């Protein structure tokens, strides 16, 4: 499955102070091997 992540809108906000904010995912609790592969789009998963 694909899941989309959206950052909340904030008037005037400039995220990352000049460097794009990125996204990563991991198993919150449990065996890390339960999540073996995630692809991010666009590019390397940045805003």
ModelCIF file with pLDDT and N, C-alpha, C, O atoms, coordinates in Angstrom:
data_MODEL
#
_entry.id   MODEL 
#
_entity.id                         1 
_entity.type                       polymer 
_entity.pdbx_number_of_molecules   1 
#
_entity_poly.entity_id                      1 
_entity_poly.type                           'polypeptide(L)' 
_entity_poly.nstd_linkage                   no 
_entity_poly.nstd_monomer                   no 
_entity_poly.pdbx_seq_one_letter_code       
;(UNK)(UNK)(UNK)(UNK)(UNK)(UNK)(UNK)(UNK)(UNK)(UNK)(UNK)(UNK)(UNK)(UNK)(UNK)(UNK)
(UNK)(UNK)(UNK)(UNK)(UNK)(UNK)(UNK)(UNK)(UNK)(UNK)(UNK)(UNK)(UNK)(UNK)(UNK)(UNK)
(UNK)(UNK)(UNK)(UNK)(UNK)(UNK)(UNK)(UNK)(UNK)(UNK)(UNK)(UNK)(UNK)(UNK)(UNK)
;
_entity_poly.pdbx_seq_one_letter_code_can   XXXXXXXXXXXXXXXXXXXXXXXXXXXXXXXXXXXXXXXXXXXXXXX 
_entity_poly.pdbx_strand_id                 A 
#
loop_
_entity_poly_seq.entity_id 
_entity_poly_seq.num 
_entity_poly_seq.mon_id 
_entity_poly_seq.hetero 
1 1  UNK n 
1 2  UNK n 
1 3  UNK n 
1 4  UNK n 
1 5  UNK n 
1 6  UNK n 
1 7  UNK n 
1 8  UNK n 
1 9  UNK n 
1 10 UNK n 
1 11 UNK n 
1 12 UNK n 
1 13 UNK n 
1 14 UNK n 
1 15 UNK n 
1 16 UNK n 
1 17 UNK n 
1 18 UNK n 
1 19 UNK n 
1 20 UNK n 
1 21 UNK n 
1 22 UNK n 
1 23 UNK n 
1 24 UNK n 
1 25 UNK n 
1 26 UNK n 
1 27 UNK n 
1 28 UNK n 
1 29 UNK n 
1 30 UNK n 
1 31 UNK n 
1 32 UNK n 
1 33 UNK n 
1 34 UNK n 
1 35 UNK n 
1 36 UNK n 
1 37 UNK n 
1 38 UNK n 
1 39 UNK n 
1 40 UNK n 
1 41 UNK n 
1 42 UNK n 
1 43 UNK n 
1 44 UNK n 
1 45 UNK n 
1 46 UNK n 
1 47 UNK n 
#
_struct_asym.id          A 
_struct_asym.entity_id   1 
#
loop_
_ma_qa_metric.id 
_ma_qa_metric.mode 
_ma_qa_metric.name 
_ma_qa_metric.software_group_id 
_ma_qa_metric.type 
1 global pLDDT . pLDDT 
2 local  pLDDT . pLDDT 
#
_ma_qa_metric_global.metric_id      1 
_ma_qa_metric_global.metric_value   94.72 
_ma_qa_metric_global.model_id       1 
_ma_qa_metric_global.ordinal_id     1 
#
loop_
_ma_qa_metric_local.label_asym_id 
_ma_qa_metric_local.label_comp_id 
_ma_qa_metric_local.label_seq_id 
_ma_qa_metric_local.metric_id 
_ma_qa_metric_local.metric_value 
_ma_qa_metric_local.model_id 
_ma_qa_metric_local.ordinal_id 
A UNK 1  2 98.00 1 1  
A UNK 2  2 98.00 1 2  
A UNK 3  2 98.00 1 3  
A UNK 4  2 98.00 1 4  
A UNK 5  2 97.00 1 5  
A UNK 6  2 96.00 1 6  
A UNK 7  2 95.00 1 7  
A UNK 8  2 95.00 1 8  
A UNK 9  2 95.00 1 9  
A UNK 10 2 94.00 1 10 
A UNK 11 2 94.00 1 11 
A UNK 12 2 93.00 1 12 
A UNK 13 2 94.00 1 13 
A UNK 14 2 95.00 1 14 
A UNK 15 2 94.00 1 15 
A UNK 16 2 94.00 1 16 
A UNK 17 2 93.00 1 17 
A UNK 18 2 95.00 1 18 
A UNK 19 2 96.00 1 19 
A UNK 20 2 96.00 1 20 
A UNK 21 2 97.00 1 21 
A UNK 22 2 97.00 1 22 
A UNK 23 2 97.00 1 23 
A UNK 24 2 96.00 1 24 
A UNK 25 2 97.00 1 25 
A UNK 26 2 96.00 1 26 
A UNK 27 2 96.00 1 27 
A UNK 28 2 92.00 1 28 
A UNK 29 2 88.00 1 29 
A UNK 30 2 86.00 1 30 
A UNK 31 2 92.00 1 31 
A UNK 32 2 92.00 1 32 
A UNK 33 2 93.00 1 33 
A UNK 34 2 96.00 1 34 
A UNK 35 2 97.00 1 35 
A UNK 36 2 95.00 1 36 
A UNK 37 2 95.00 1 37 
A UNK 38 2 97.00 1 38 
A UNK 39 2 97.00 1 39 
A UNK 40 2 98.00 1 40 
A UNK 41 2 97.00 1 41 
A UNK 42 2 95.00 1 42 
A UNK 43 2 82.00 1 43 
A UNK 44 2 87.00 1 44 
A UNK 45 2 95.00 1 45 
A UNK 46 2 97.00 1 46 
A UNK 47 2 97.00 1 47 
#
loop_
_atom_site.group_PDB 
_atom_site.id 
_atom_site.type_symbol 
_atom_site.label_atom_id 
_atom_site.label_alt_id 
_atom_site.label_comp_id 
_atom_site.label_asym_id 
_atom_site.label_entity_id 
_atom_site.label_seq_id 
_atom_site.pdbx_PDB_ins_code 
_atom_site.Cartn_x 
_atom_site.Cartn_y 
_atom_site.Cartn_z 
_atom_site.occupancy 
_atom_site.B_iso_or_equiv 
_atom_site.pdbx_formal_charge 
_atom_site.auth_seq_id 
_atom_site.auth_comp_id 
_atom_site.auth_asym_id 
_atom_site.auth_atom_id 
_atom_site.pdbx_PDB_model_num 
ATOM 1   N N  . UNK A 1 1  ? 0.790  -1.234 0.000  1.00 98.00 ? 1  UNK A N  1 
ATOM 2   C CA . UNK A 1 1  ? 0.000  0.000  0.000  1.00 98.00 ? 1  UNK A CA 1 
ATOM 3   C C  . UNK A 1 1  ? 0.818  1.278  0.000  1.00 98.00 ? 1  UNK A C  1 
ATOM 4   O O  . UNK A 1 1  ? 1.906  1.352  0.572  1.00 98.00 ? 1  UNK A O  1 
ATOM 5   N N  . UNK A 1 2  ? 0.260  2.277  -0.659 1.00 98.00 ? 2  UNK A N  1 
ATOM 6   C CA . UNK A 1 2  ? 0.809  3.631  -0.615 1.00 98.00 ? 2  UNK A CA 1 
ATOM 7   C C  . UNK A 1 2  ? 0.033  4.444  0.422  1.00 98.00 ? 2  UNK A C  1 
ATOM 8   O O  . UNK A 1 2  ? -1.189 4.342  0.524  1.00 98.00 ? 2  UNK A O  1 
ATOM 9   N N  . UNK A 1 3  ? 0.756  5.241  1.176  1.00 98.00 ? 3  UNK A N  1 
ATOM 10  C CA . UNK A 1 3  ? 0.154  6.163  2.139  1.00 98.00 ? 3  UNK A CA 1 
ATOM 11  C C  . UNK A 1 3  ? 0.789  7.529  1.917  1.00 98.00 ? 3  UNK A C  1 
ATOM 12  O O  . UNK A 1 3  ? 2.001  7.642  1.738  1.00 98.00 ? 3  UNK A O  1 
ATOM 13  N N  . UNK A 1 4  ? -0.043 8.559  1.932  1.00 98.00 ? 4  UNK A N  1 
ATOM 14  C CA . UNK A 1 4  ? 0.430  9.917  1.686  1.00 98.00 ? 4  UNK A CA 1 
ATOM 15  C C  . UNK A 1 4  ? 0.576  10.676 2.999  1.00 98.00 ? 4  UNK A C  1 
ATOM 16  O O  . UNK A 1 4  ? -0.258 10.562 3.898  1.00 98.00 ? 4  UNK A O  1 
ATOM 17  N N  . UNK A 1 5  ? 1.644  11.448 3.092  1.00 97.00 ? 5  UNK A N  1 
ATOM 18  C CA . UNK A 1 5  ? 1.893  12.256 4.279  1.00 97.00 ? 5  UNK A CA 1 
ATOM 19  C C  . UNK A 1 5  ? 1.795  13.729 3.894  1.00 97.00 ? 5  UNK A C  1 
ATOM 20  O O  . UNK A 1 5  ? 2.393  14.168 2.911  1.00 97.00 ? 5  UNK A O  1 
ATOM 21  N N  . UNK A 1 6  ? 1.035  14.481 4.678  1.00 96.00 ? 6  UNK A N  1 
ATOM 22  C CA . UNK A 1 6  ? 0.835  15.911 4.419  1.00 96.00 ? 6  UNK A CA 1 
ATOM 23  C C  . UNK A 1 6  ? 1.189  16.713 5.657  1.00 96.00 ? 6  UNK A C  1 
ATOM 24  O O  . UNK A 1 6  ? 0.756  16.392 6.764  1.00 96.00 ? 6  UNK A O  1 
ATOM 25  N N  . UNK A 1 7  ? 1.976  17.752 5.463  1.00 95.00 ? 7  UNK A N  1 
ATOM 26  C CA . UNK A 1 7  ? 2.344  18.640 6.555  1.00 95.00 ? 7  UNK A CA 1 
ATOM 27  C C  . UNK A 1 7  ? 1.249  19.707 6.725  1.00 95.00 ? 7  UNK A C  1 
ATOM 28  O O  . UNK A 1 7  ? 0.764  20.260 5.737  1.00 95.00 ? 7  UNK A O  1 
ATOM 29  N N  . UNK A 1 8  ? 0.866  19.992 7.961  1.00 95.00 ? 8  UNK A N  1 
ATOM 30  C CA . UNK A 1 8  ? -0.166 20.998 8.204  1.00 95.00 ? 8  UNK A CA 1 
ATOM 31  C C  . UNK A 1 8  ? 0.288  22.370 7.714  1.00 95.00 ? 8  UNK A C  1 
ATOM 32  O O  . UNK A 1 8  ? 1.468  22.716 7.780  1.00 95.00 ? 8  UNK A O  1 
ATOM 33  N N  . UNK A 1 9  ? -0.672 23.133 7.227  1.00 95.00 ? 9  UNK A N  1 
ATOM 34  C CA . UNK A 1 9  ? -0.365 24.474 6.717  1.00 95.00 ? 9  UNK A CA 1 
ATOM 35  C C  . UNK A 1 9  ? -0.193 25.465 7.857  1.00 95.00 ? 9  UNK A C  1 
ATOM 36  O O  . UNK A 1 9  ? -1.000 25.516 8.785  1.00 95.00 ? 9  UNK A O  1 
ATOM 37  N N  . UNK A 1 10 ? 0.869  26.248 7.771  1.00 94.00 ? 10 UNK A N  1 
ATOM 38  C CA . UNK A 1 10 ? 1.123  27.300 8.747  1.00 94.00 ? 10 UNK A CA 1 
ATOM 39  C C  . UNK A 1 10 ? 1.503  28.556 7.977  1.00 94.00 ? 10 UNK A C  1 
ATOM 40  O O  . UNK A 1 10 ? 2.485  28.555 7.235  1.00 94.00 ? 10 UNK A O  1 
ATOM 41  N N  . UNK A 1 11 ? 0.734  29.624 8.147  1.00 94.00 ? 11 UNK A N  1 
ATOM 42  C CA . UNK A 1 11 ? 0.967  30.855 7.395  1.00 94.00 ? 11 UNK A CA 1 
ATOM 43  C C  . UNK A 1 11 ? 2.363  31.408 7.699  1.00 94.00 ? 11 UNK A C  1 
ATOM 44  O O  . UNK A 1 11 ? 2.730  31.609 8.856  1.00 94.00 ? 11 UNK A O  1 
ATOM 45  N N  . UNK A 1 12 ? 3.129  31.647 6.629  1.00 93.00 ? 12 UNK A N  1 
ATOM 46  C CA . UNK A 1 12 ? 4.446  32.255 6.761  1.00 93.00 ? 12 UNK A CA 1 
ATOM 47  C C  . UNK A 1 12 ? 5.571  31.322 7.150  1.00 93.00 ? 12 UNK A C  1 
ATOM 48  O O  . UNK A 1 12 ? 6.727  31.742 7.210  1.00 93.00 ? 12 UNK A O  1 
ATOM 49  N N  . UNK A 1 13 ? 5.261  30.069 7.415  1.00 94.00 ? 13 UNK A N  1 
ATOM 50  C CA . UNK A 1 13 ? 6.270  29.132 7.907  1.00 94.00 ? 13 UNK A CA 1 
ATOM 51  C C  . UNK A 1 13 ? 7.216  28.687 6.795  1.00 94.00 ? 13 UNK A C  1 
ATOM 52  O O  . UNK A 1 13 ? 6.783  28.378 5.685  1.00 94.00 ? 13 UNK A O  1 
ATOM 53  N N  . UNK A 1 14 ? 8.504  28.659 7.102  1.00 95.00 ? 14 UNK A N  1 
ATOM 54  C CA . UNK A 1 14 ? 9.519  28.205 6.157  1.00 95.00 ? 14 UNK A CA 1 
ATOM 55  C C  . UNK A 1 14 ? 10.230 26.997 6.773  1.00 95.00 ? 14 UNK A C  1 
ATOM 56  O O  . UNK A 1 14 ? 11.210 27.159 7.501  1.00 95.00 ? 14 UNK A O  1 
ATOM 57  N N  . UNK A 1 15 ? 9.745  25.803 6.488  1.00 94.00 ? 15 UNK A N  1 
ATOM 58  C CA . UNK A 1 15 ? 10.288 24.602 7.138  1.00 94.00 ? 15 UNK A CA 1 
ATOM 59  C C  . UNK A 1 15 ? 11.733 24.322 6.760  1.00 94.00 ? 15 UNK A C  1 
ATOM 60  O O  . UNK A 1 15 ? 12.163 24.561 5.631  1.00 94.00 ? 15 UNK A O  1 
ATOM 61  N N  . UNK A 1 16 ? 12.462 23.813 7.732  1.00 94.00 ? 16 UNK A N  1 
ATOM 62  C CA . UNK A 1 16 ? 13.819 23.353 7.460  1.00 94.00 ? 16 UNK A CA 1 
ATOM 63  C C  . UNK A 1 16 ? 14.894 24.403 7.447  1.00 94.00 ? 16 UNK A C  1 
ATOM 64  O O  . UNK A 1 16 ? 16.070 24.077 7.283  1.00 94.00 ? 16 UNK A O  1 
ATOM 65  N N  . UNK A 1 17 ? 14.520 25.684 7.617  1.00 93.00 ? 17 UNK A N  1 
ATOM 66  C CA . UNK A 1 17 ? 15.510 26.767 7.627  1.00 93.00 ? 17 UNK A CA 1 
ATOM 67  C C  . UNK A 1 17 ? 16.441 26.697 6.413  1.00 93.00 ? 17 UNK A C  1 
ATOM 68  O O  . UNK A 1 17 ? 17.659 26.809 6.552  1.00 93.00 ? 17 UNK A O  1 
ATOM 69  N N  . UNK A 1 18 ? 15.866 26.514 5.233  1.00 95.00 ? 18 UNK A N  1 
ATOM 70  C CA . UNK A 1 18 ? 16.643 26.511 3.998  1.00 95.00 ? 18 UNK A CA 1 
ATOM 71  C C  . UNK A 1 18 ? 17.046 25.142 3.488  1.00 95.00 ? 18 UNK A C  1 
ATOM 72  O O  . UNK A 1 18 ? 17.603 25.029 2.396  1.00 95.00 ? 18 UNK A O  1 
ATOM 73  N N  . UNK A 1 19 ? 16.771 24.093 4.267  1.00 96.00 ? 19 UNK A N  1 
ATOM 74  C CA . UNK A 1 19 ? 17.081 22.725 3.857  1.00 96.00 ? 19 UNK A CA 1 
ATOM 75  C C  . UNK A 1 19 ? 15.773 21.929 3.866  1.00 96.00 ? 19 UNK A C  1 
ATOM 76  O O  . UNK A 1 19 ? 15.075 21.931 4.880  1.00 96.00 ? 19 UNK A O  1 
ATOM 77  N N  . UNK A 1 20 ? 15.419 21.250 2.771  1.00 96.00 ? 20 UNK A N  1 
ATOM 78  C CA . UNK A 1 20 ? 14.141 20.542 2.713  1.00 96.00 ? 20 UNK A CA 1 
ATOM 79  C C  . UNK A 1 20 ? 13.951 19.552 3.854  1.00 96.00 ? 20 UNK A C  1 
ATOM 80  O O  . UNK A 1 20 ? 14.875 18.828 4.224  1.00 96.00 ? 20 UNK A O  1 
ATOM 81  N N  . UNK A 1 21 ? 12.741 19.531 4.407  1.00 97.00 ? 21 UNK A N  1 
ATOM 82  C CA . UNK A 1 21 ? 12.374 18.578 5.445  1.00 97.00 ? 21 UNK A CA 1 
ATOM 83  C C  . UNK A 1 21 ? 12.157 17.212 4.803  1.00 97.00 ? 21 UNK A C  1 
ATOM 84  O O  . UNK A 1 21 ? 11.517 17.105 3.757  1.00 97.00 ? 21 UNK A O  1 
ATOM 85  N N  . UNK A 1 22 ? 12.692 16.168 5.435  1.00 97.00 ? 22 UNK A N  1 
ATOM 86  C CA . UNK A 1 22 ? 12.577 14.814 4.890  1.00 97.00 ? 22 UNK A CA 1 
ATOM 87  C C  . UNK A 1 22 ? 11.679 13.952 5.776  1.00 97.00 ? 22 UNK A C  1 
ATOM 88  O O  . UNK A 1 22 ? 11.311 14.342 6.884  1.00 97.00 ? 22 UNK A O  1 
ATOM 89  N N  . UNK A 1 23 ? 11.340 12.779 5.264  1.00 97.00 ? 23 UNK A N  1 
ATOM 90  C CA . UNK A 1 23 ? 10.466 11.852 5.972  1.00 97.00 ? 23 UNK A CA 1 
ATOM 91  C C  . UNK A 1 23 ? 11.161 10.502 6.098  1.00 97.00 ? 23 UNK A C  1 
ATOM 92  O O  . UNK A 1 23 ? 11.809 10.042 5.158  1.00 97.00 ? 23 UNK A O  1 
ATOM 93  N N  . UNK A 1 24 ? 11.028 9.874  7.250  1.00 96.00 ? 24 UNK A N  1 
ATOM 94  C CA . UNK A 1 24 ? 11.461 8.482  7.378  1.00 96.00 ? 24 UNK A CA 1 
ATOM 95  C C  . UNK A 1 24 ? 10.426 7.702  8.168  1.00 96.00 ? 24 UNK A C  1 
ATOM 96  O O  . UNK A 1 24 ? 9.632  8.282  8.909  1.00 96.00 ? 24 UNK A O  1 
ATOM 97  N N  . UNK A 1 25 ? 10.437 6.392  8.009  1.00 97.00 ? 25 UNK A N  1 
ATOM 98  C CA . UNK A 1 25 ? 9.475  5.523  8.682  1.00 97.00 ? 25 UNK A CA 1 
ATOM 99  C C  . UNK A 1 25 ? 10.196 4.347  9.326  1.00 97.00 ? 25 UNK A C  1 
ATOM 100 O O  . UNK A 1 25 ? 11.209 3.865  8.820  1.00 97.00 ? 25 UNK A O  1 
ATOM 101 N N  . UNK A 1 26 ? 9.658  3.903  10.440 1.00 96.00 ? 26 UNK A N  1 
ATOM 102 C CA . UNK A 1 26 ? 10.230 2.753  11.139 1.00 96.00 ? 26 UNK A CA 1 
ATOM 103 C C  . UNK A 1 26 ? 9.139  2.068  11.948 1.00 96.00 ? 26 UNK A C  1 
ATOM 104 O O  . UNK A 1 26 ? 8.067  2.630  12.173 1.00 96.00 ? 26 UNK A O  1 
ATOM 105 N N  . UNK A 1 27 ? 9.425  0.861  12.377 1.00 96.00 ? 27 UNK A N  1 
ATOM 106 C CA . UNK A 1 27 ? 8.507  0.163  13.272 1.00 96.00 ? 27 UNK A CA 1 
ATOM 107 C C  . UNK A 1 27 ? 8.524  0.877  14.621 1.00 96.00 ? 27 UNK A C  1 
ATOM 108 O O  . UNK A 1 27 ? 9.585  1.075  15.213 1.00 96.00 ? 27 UNK A O  1 
ATOM 109 N N  . UNK A 1 28 ? 7.352  1.258  15.097 1.00 92.00 ? 28 UNK A N  1 
ATOM 110 C CA . UNK A 1 28 ? 7.310  2.007  16.350 1.00 92.00 ? 28 UNK A CA 1 
ATOM 111 C C  . UNK A 1 28 ? 7.681  1.139  17.541 1.00 92.00 ? 28 UNK A C  1 
ATOM 112 O O  . UNK A 1 28 ? 8.515  1.520  18.364 1.00 92.00 ? 28 UNK A O  1 
ATOM 113 N N  . UNK A 1 29 ? 7.054  -0.037 17.628 1.00 88.00 ? 29 UNK A N  1 
ATOM 114 C CA . UNK A 1 29 ? 7.369  -0.981 18.694 1.00 88.00 ? 29 UNK A CA 1 
ATOM 115 C C  . UNK A 1 29 ? 7.385  -2.381 18.103 1.00 88.00 ? 29 UNK A C  1 
ATOM 116 O O  . UNK A 1 29 ? 6.514  -2.745 17.313 1.00 88.00 ? 29 UNK A O  1 
ATOM 117 N N  . UNK A 1 30 ? 8.381  -3.158 18.491 1.00 86.00 ? 30 UNK A N  1 
ATOM 118 C CA . UNK A 1 30 ? 8.447  -4.522 17.995 1.00 86.00 ? 30 UNK A CA 1 
ATOM 119 C C  . UNK A 1 30 ? 9.687  -4.781 17.163 1.00 86.00 ? 30 UNK A C  1 
ATOM 120 O O  . UNK A 1 30 ? 10.694 -4.085 17.292 1.00 86.00 ? 30 UNK A O  1 
ATOM 121 N N  . UNK A 1 31 ? 9.605  -5.777 16.318 1.00 92.00 ? 31 UNK A N  1 
ATOM 122 C CA . UNK A 1 31 ? 10.733 -6.210 15.511 1.00 92.00 ? 31 UNK A CA 1 
ATOM 123 C C  . UNK A 1 31 ? 10.906 -5.309 14.291 1.00 92.00 ? 31 UNK A C  1 
ATOM 124 O O  . UNK A 1 31 ? 9.979  -5.158 13.496 1.00 92.00 ? 31 UNK A O  1 
ATOM 125 N N  . UNK A 1 32 ? 12.069 -4.718 14.141 1.00 92.00 ? 32 UNK A N  1 
ATOM 126 C CA . UNK A 1 32 ? 12.323 -3.817 13.024 1.00 92.00 ? 32 UNK A CA 1 
ATOM 127 C C  . UNK A 1 32 ? 12.200 -4.516 11.671 1.00 92.00 ? 32 UNK A C  1 
ATOM 128 O O  . UNK A 1 32 ? 11.911 -3.875 10.660 1.00 92.00 ? 32 UNK A O  1 
ATOM 129 N N  . UNK A 1 33 ? 12.420 -5.831 11.656 1.00 93.00 ? 33 UNK A N  1 
ATOM 130 C CA . UNK A 1 33 ? 12.347 -6.568 10.398 1.00 93.00 ? 33 UNK A CA 1 
ATOM 131 C C  . UNK A 1 33 ? 10.915 -6.725 9.878  1.00 93.00 ? 33 UNK A C  1 
ATOM 132 O O  . UNK A 1 33 ? 10.712 -7.205 8.763  1.00 93.00 ? 33 UNK A O  1 
ATOM 133 N N  . UNK A 1 34 ? 9.923  -6.324 10.681 1.00 96.00 ? 34 UNK A N  1 
ATOM 134 C CA . UNK A 1 34 ? 8.532  -6.378 10.213 1.00 96.00 ? 34 UNK A CA 1 
ATOM 135 C C  . UNK A 1 34 ? 8.289  -5.377 9.084  1.00 96.00 ? 34 UNK A C  1 
ATOM 136 O O  . UNK A 1 34 ? 7.357  -5.528 8.293  1.00 96.00 ? 34 UNK A O  1 
ATOM 137 N N  . UNK A 1 35 ? 9.138  -4.360 9.024  1.00 97.00 ? 35 UNK A N  1 
ATOM 138 C CA . UNK A 1 35 ? 9.065  -3.372 7.944  1.00 97.00 ? 35 UNK A CA 1 
ATOM 139 C C  . UNK A 1 35 ? 10.400 -3.421 7.208  1.00 97.00 ? 35 UNK A C  1 
ATOM 140 O O  . UNK A 1 35 ? 11.391 -2.835 7.645  1.00 97.00 ? 35 UNK A O  1 
ATOM 141 N N  . UNK A 1 36 ? 10.403 -4.128 6.086  1.00 95.00 ? 36 UNK A N  1 
ATOM 142 C CA . UNK A 1 36 ? 11.674 -4.398 5.407  1.00 95.00 ? 36 UNK A CA 1 
ATOM 143 C C  . UNK A 1 36 ? 12.000 -3.415 4.288  1.00 95.00 ? 36 UNK A C  1 
ATOM 144 O O  . UNK A 1 36 ? 13.161 -3.271 3.906  1.00 95.00 ? 36 UNK A O  1 
ATOM 145 N N  . UNK A 1 37 ? 10.980 -2.738 3.762  1.00 95.00 ? 37 UNK A N  1 
ATOM 146 C CA . UNK A 1 37 ? 11.259 -1.844 2.640  1.00 95.00 ? 37 UNK A CA 1 
ATOM 147 C C  . UNK A 1 37 ? 10.173 -0.786 2.502  1.00 95.00 ? 37 UNK A C  1 
ATOM 148 O O  . UNK A 1 37 ? 8.981  -1.092 2.534  1.00 95.00 ? 37 UNK A O  1 
ATOM 149 N N  . UNK A 1 38 ? 10.606 0.472  2.347  1.00 97.00 ? 38 UNK A N  1 
ATOM 150 C CA . UNK A 1 38 ? 9.702  1.593  2.082  1.00 97.00 ? 38 UNK A CA 1 
ATOM 151 C C  . UNK A 1 38 ? 10.335 2.468  1.005  1.00 97.00 ? 38 UNK A C  1 
ATOM 152 O O  . UNK A 1 38 ? 11.501 2.848  1.114  1.00 97.00 ? 38 UNK A O  1 
ATOM 153 N N  . UNK A 1 39 ? 9.571  2.784  -0.026 1.00 97.00 ? 39 UNK A N  1 
ATOM 154 C CA . UNK A 1 39 ? 10.024 3.729  -1.051 1.00 97.00 ? 39 UNK A CA 1 
ATOM 155 C C  . UNK A 1 39 ? 9.314  5.058  -0.833 1.00 97.00 ? 39 UNK A C  1 
ATOM 156 O O  . UNK A 1 39 ? 8.145  5.096  -0.448 1.00 97.00 ? 39 UNK A O  1 
ATOM 157 N N  . UNK A 1 40 ? 10.034 6.147  -1.084 1.00 98.00 ? 40 UNK A N  1 
ATOM 158 C CA . UNK A 1 40 ? 9.473  7.485  -0.877 1.00 98.00 ? 40 UNK A CA 1 
ATOM 159 C C  . UNK A 1 40 ? 9.437  8.251  -2.195 1.00 98.00 ? 40 UNK A C  1 
ATOM 160 O O  . UNK A 1 40 ? 10.369 8.188  -2.996 1.00 98.00 ? 40 UNK A O  1 
ATOM 161 N N  . UNK A 1 41 ? 8.335  8.978  -2.402 1.00 97.00 ? 41 UNK A N  1 
ATOM 162 C CA . UNK A 1 41 ? 8.183  9.837  -3.576 1.00 97.00 ? 41 UNK A CA 1 
ATOM 163 C C  . UNK A 1 41 ? 7.608  11.184 -3.114 1.00 97.00 ? 41 UNK A C  1 
ATOM 164 O O  . UNK A 1 41 ? 6.872  11.231 -2.128 1.00 97.00 ? 41 UNK A O  1 
ATOM 165 N N  . UNK A 1 42 ? 7.935  12.275 -3.816 1.00 95.00 ? 42 UNK A N  1 
ATOM 166 C CA . UNK A 1 42 ? 8.895  12.340 -4.922 1.00 95.00 ? 42 UNK A CA 1 
ATOM 167 C C  . UNK A 1 42 ? 10.339 12.268 -4.427 1.00 95.00 ? 42 UNK A C  1 
ATOM 168 O O  . UNK A 1 42 ? 10.643 12.539 -3.266 1.00 95.00 ? 42 UNK A O  1 
ATOM 169 N N  . UNK A 1 43 ? 11.194 11.898 -5.342 1.00 82.00 ? 43 UNK A N  1 
ATOM 170 C CA . UNK A 1 43 ? 12.627 11.849 -5.054 1.00 82.00 ? 43 UNK A CA 1 
ATOM 171 C C  . UNK A 1 43 ? 12.940 11.013 -3.837 1.00 82.00 ? 43 UNK A C  1 
ATOM 172 O O  . UNK A 1 43 ? 12.580 9.838  -3.760 1.00 82.00 ? 43 UNK A O  1 
ATOM 173 N N  . UNK A 1 44 ? 13.613 11.628 -2.891 1.00 87.00 ? 44 UNK A N  1 
ATOM 174 C CA . UNK A 1 44 ? 14.034 10.912 -1.683 1.00 87.00 ? 44 UNK A CA 1 
ATOM 175 C C  . UNK A 1 44 ? 13.124 11.209 -0.499 1.00 87.00 ? 44 UNK A C  1 
ATOM 176 O O  . UNK A 1 44 ? 13.542 11.091 0.653  1.00 87.00 ? 44 UNK A O  1 
ATOM 177 N N  . UNK A 1 45 ? 11.887 11.591 -0.777 1.00 95.00 ? 45 UNK A N  1 
ATOM 178 C CA . UNK A 1 45 ? 10.927 11.816 0.299  1.00 95.00 ? 45 UNK A CA 1 
ATOM 179 C C  . UNK A 1 45 ? 11.118 13.121 1.040  1.00 95.00 ? 45 UNK A C  1 
ATOM 180 O O  . UNK A 1 45 ? 11.213 13.131 2.267  1.00 95.00 ? 45 UNK A O  1 
ATOM 181 N N  . UNK A 1 46 ? 11.175 14.222 0.310  1.00 97.00 ? 46 UNK A N  1 
ATOM 182 C CA . UNK A 1 46 ? 11.336 15.537 0.931  1.00 97.00 ? 46 UNK A CA 1 
ATOM 183 C C  . UNK A 1 46 ? 10.236 16.488 0.476  1.00 97.00 ? 46 UNK A C  1 
ATOM 184 O O  . UNK A 1 46 ? 9.628  16.304 -0.579 1.00 97.00 ? 46 UNK A O  1 
ATOM 185 N N  . UNK A 1 47 ? 9.994  17.505 1.293  1.00 97.00 ? 47 UNK A N  1 
ATOM 186 C CA . UNK A 1 47 ? 9.067  18.583 0.949  1.00 97.00 ? 47 UNK A CA 1 
ATOM 187 C C  . UNK A 1 47 ? 9.885  19.729 0.355  1.00 97.00 ? 47 UNK A C  1 
ATOM 188 O O  . UNK A 1 47 ? 9.325  20.760 -0.015 1.00 97.00 ? 47 UNK A O  1 
#
